[in-house]
């Protein structure tokens, strides 16, 4: 594969611009760069979740399945970032959305219907899954903002939407497999 980064700093971005893979120079707050940054943040948070899952698999073997489903998502997020950096490049395939949907359906069948709103927490793993979920929503919003300026393939937006759904269900599944009660939202002034 060769060396892709032979020099880490180039000084070309010191004036507030960055280069895209297609050769264009854009401001570092350009919607495309914002979207790439949010996807990168999501990938980093997902990496933390996966590391935590790995550390706890011996105690809770049921967590292994979550790692198996979520680990490929890091690679697909990198693909998605590549598409954002190189608009002509297409790497993310619709079958990845179907893979997430199948996992959501399987996990939801185990969990049963959700009766109340739940809050992030209950364990560090559950909370981290919710951090990833909210970061996926951020990435989706930034990509949608870009989409209003420069059209994106629908698969990119659908993948982020489905990934946030998967992470919500993953948080619930972690709670179940860790034998932790979900933290239910309680209204300050419940309706009469």
Protein backbone atom coordinates (compact mmCIF):
# COMPACT_ATOMS: atom_id res chain seq x y z
CA UNK A 1 0.00 0.00 0.00
CA UNK A 2 2.97 2.32 0.48
CA UNK A 3 3.32 5.39 2.62
CA UNK A 4 0.28 7.62 2.50
CA UNK A 5 1.48 10.21 4.99
CA UNK A 6 5.16 10.88 4.77
CA UNK A 7 4.87 14.25 6.50
CA UNK A 8 2.33 15.04 9.21
CA UNK A 9 2.50 18.82 9.08
CA UNK A 10 2.61 20.80 5.86
CA UNK A 11 1.84 24.36 7.04
CA UNK A 12 -0.61 24.67 4.13
CA UNK A 13 -3.55 24.95 6.54
CA UNK A 14 -2.13 27.68 8.74
CA UNK A 15 -4.22 30.35 7.00
CA UNK A 16 -7.52 28.59 7.72
CA UNK A 17 -7.89 26.52 4.58
CA UNK A 18 -7.49 22.83 3.91
CA UNK A 19 -7.13 20.74 0.80
CA UNK A 20 -9.67 18.18 -0.32
CA UNK A 21 -8.59 15.03 -2.09
CA UNK A 22 -9.91 16.37 -5.40
CA UNK A 23 -7.44 19.28 -5.21
CA UNK A 24 -9.87 22.00 -4.10
CA UNK A 25 -8.90 24.31 -1.23
CA UNK A 26 -11.75 25.21 1.12
CA UNK A 27 -12.12 27.03 4.42
CA UNK A 28 -11.74 24.81 7.47
CA UNK A 29 -15.30 25.69 8.46
CA UNK A 30 -16.70 24.74 5.03
CA UNK A 31 -19.76 22.45 5.40
CA UNK A 32 -17.81 19.58 3.81
CA UNK A 33 -14.98 19.91 6.33
CA UNK A 34 -17.50 20.24 9.18
CA UNK A 35 -19.18 17.01 8.04
CA UNK A 36 -15.83 15.22 7.76
CA UNK A 37 -14.94 16.38 11.28
CA UNK A 38 -18.20 15.14 12.78
CA UNK A 39 -17.78 11.74 11.11
CA UNK A 40 -14.22 11.58 12.46
CA UNK A 41 -15.44 12.46 15.98
CA UNK A 42 -18.05 9.73 15.74
CA UNK A 43 -15.42 7.23 14.63
CA UNK A 44 -13.22 8.20 17.60
CA UNK A 45 -16.08 7.83 20.08
CA UNK A 46 -17.01 4.49 18.52
CA UNK A 47 -13.39 3.38 18.95
CA UNK A 48 -13.67 4.17 22.66
CA UNK A 49 -16.91 2.18 22.92
CA UNK A 50 -15.30 -0.79 21.17
CA UNK A 51 -12.27 -0.66 23.48
CA UNK A 52 -14.57 -0.61 26.51
CA UNK A 53 -16.62 -3.50 25.12
CA UNK A 54 -13.45 -5.53 24.60
CA UNK A 55 -12.33 -4.86 28.18
CA UNK A 56 -15.64 -6.15 29.57
CA UNK A 57 -16.24 -9.22 27.37
CA UNK A 58 -14.74 -11.64 29.85
CA UNK A 59 -17.15 -10.53 32.57
CA UNK A 60 -20.12 -10.18 30.20
CA UNK A 61 -19.60 -12.56 27.24
CA UNK A 62 -22.88 -11.36 25.70
CA UNK A 63 -21.11 -8.14 24.74
CA UNK A 64 -19.01 -9.93 22.10
CA UNK A 65 -21.87 -9.79 19.60
CA UNK A 66 -22.05 -6.01 19.92
CA UNK A 67 -18.34 -5.70 19.12
CA UNK A 68 -18.76 -7.95 16.09
CA UNK A 69 -21.55 -5.75 14.72
CA UNK A 70 -20.02 -2.38 15.64
CA UNK A 71 -16.36 -2.98 14.67
CA UNK A 72 -17.06 -2.91 10.89
CA UNK A 73 -18.84 0.42 11.41
CA UNK A 74 -15.51 2.10 12.08
CA UNK A 75 -14.30 1.02 8.63
CA UNK A 76 -17.52 2.14 6.99
CA UNK A 77 -17.29 5.53 8.72
CA UNK A 78 -13.78 5.85 7.31
CA UNK A 79 -15.25 5.03 3.87
CA UNK A 80 -17.93 7.66 4.44
CA UNK A 81 -15.24 10.20 5.36
CA UNK A 82 -13.42 9.27 2.17
CA UNK A 83 -16.53 10.03 0.15
CA UNK A 84 -16.82 13.38 1.86
CA UNK A 85 -13.16 14.17 1.12
CA UNK A 86 -13.37 12.92 -2.48
CA UNK A 87 -16.86 13.65 -3.83
CA UNK A 88 -16.35 11.44 -6.92
CA UNK A 89 -15.35 8.44 -4.75
CA UNK A 90 -18.05 5.91 -3.82
CA UNK A 91 -17.24 3.33 -1.16
CA UNK A 92 -20.25 2.99 1.12
CA UNK A 93 -22.71 0.42 -0.19
CA UNK A 94 -26.43 0.05 0.47
CA UNK A 95 -25.88 -3.47 1.82
CA UNK A 96 -24.20 -1.87 4.85
CA UNK A 97 -27.47 -0.15 5.70
CA UNK A 98 -29.25 -3.49 5.41
CA UNK A 99 -26.64 -5.06 7.73
CA UNK A 100 -27.39 -2.44 10.39
CA UNK A 101 -31.14 -2.90 9.96
CA UNK A 102 -30.82 -6.67 10.43
CA UNK A 103 -28.89 -6.15 13.68
CA UNK A 104 -31.45 -3.59 14.91
CA UNK A 105 -34.30 -6.00 14.19
CA UNK A 106 -32.52 -8.91 15.90
CA UNK A 107 -31.62 -6.89 18.99
CA UNK A 108 -35.06 -5.26 19.23
CA UNK A 109 -36.66 -8.71 19.20
CA UNK A 110 -34.58 -9.58 22.27
CA UNK A 111 -35.36 -6.29 24.03
CA UNK A 112 -39.06 -5.98 23.38
CA UNK A 113 -40.94 -2.70 22.98
CA UNK A 114 -39.78 0.46 24.68
CA UNK A 115 -42.43 1.75 27.10
CA UNK A 116 -40.74 4.94 28.36
CA UNK A 117 -38.07 7.42 27.40
CA UNK A 118 -34.68 6.39 28.74
CA UNK A 119 -31.73 8.48 29.83
CA UNK A 120 -28.07 7.81 29.02
CA UNK A 121 -26.40 6.06 31.94
CA UNK A 122 -26.55 2.99 34.11
CA UNK A 123 -22.97 2.02 33.33
CA UNK A 124 -20.02 3.55 31.55
CA UNK A 125 -20.64 1.30 28.54
CA UNK A 126 -24.29 2.26 28.27
CA UNK A 127 -23.44 5.95 28.54
CA UNK A 128 -20.68 5.64 25.92
CA UNK A 129 -23.10 3.97 23.50
CA UNK A 130 -25.39 6.98 23.96
CA UNK A 131 -22.47 9.37 23.39
CA UNK A 132 -21.87 7.56 20.10
CA UNK A 133 -25.58 7.75 19.26
CA UNK A 134 -25.70 11.50 19.82
CA UNK A 135 -22.46 11.96 17.87
CA UNK A 136 -24.00 9.99 14.99
CA UNK A 137 -26.91 12.44 15.00
CA UNK A 138 -24.44 15.35 14.93
CA UNK A 139 -22.66 13.81 11.95
CA UNK A 140 -25.98 13.23 10.22
CA UNK A 141 -27.01 16.87 10.74
CA UNK A 142 -23.69 18.17 9.41
CA UNK A 143 -23.95 15.91 6.37
CA UNK A 144 -27.52 17.10 5.78
CA UNK A 145 -26.30 20.70 5.94
CA UNK A 146 -23.69 19.86 3.32
CA UNK A 147 -26.33 18.05 1.27
CA UNK A 148 -28.29 21.30 0.93
CA UNK A 149 -25.22 22.94 -0.66
CA UNK A 150 -23.59 20.00 -2.46
CA UNK A 151 -25.66 16.87 -3.04
CA UNK A 152 -24.53 13.72 -1.24
CA UNK A 153 -25.44 10.18 -2.13
CA UNK A 154 -28.56 9.14 -0.18
CA UNK A 155 -26.68 6.11 1.19
CA UNK A 156 -24.44 8.37 3.30
CA UNK A 157 -27.32 10.05 5.10
CA UNK A 158 -29.22 6.77 5.47
CA UNK A 159 -26.16 5.03 6.91
CA UNK A 160 -25.66 7.68 9.60
CA UNK A 161 -29.36 7.65 10.43
CA UNK A 162 -29.41 3.87 10.77
CA UNK A 163 -26.15 3.85 12.74
CA UNK A 164 -27.62 6.21 15.32
CA UNK A 165 -30.63 3.87 15.61
CA UNK A 166 -28.30 0.90 16.00
CA UNK A 167 -26.35 2.67 18.75
CA UNK A 168 -29.55 3.46 20.64
CA UNK A 169 -30.58 -0.19 20.54
CA UNK A 170 -27.00 -1.20 21.41
CA UNK A 171 -27.16 0.94 24.56
CA UNK A 172 -30.35 -0.84 25.58
CA UNK A 173 -28.85 -4.24 24.78
CA UNK A 174 -25.73 -3.47 26.82
CA UNK A 175 -27.97 -2.65 29.78
CA UNK A 176 -29.79 -5.96 29.38
CA UNK A 177 -26.61 -8.00 29.01
CA UNK A 178 -24.97 -6.24 31.95
CA UNK A 179 -28.17 -6.83 33.94
CA UNK A 180 -28.60 -3.10 34.54
CA UNK A 181 -31.91 -1.36 34.79
CA UNK A 182 -32.50 1.33 32.20
CA UNK A 183 -32.77 4.81 33.68
CA UNK A 184 -36.28 5.99 32.90
CA UNK A 185 -37.06 9.65 32.37
CA UNK A 186 -39.29 11.20 35.00
CA UNK A 187 -41.10 14.42 34.10
CA UNK A 188 -40.64 17.28 36.56
CA UNK A 189 -44.34 18.09 36.34
CA UNK A 190 -46.17 15.02 35.04
CA UNK A 191 -49.41 15.74 33.17
CA UNK A 192 -52.56 15.19 35.18
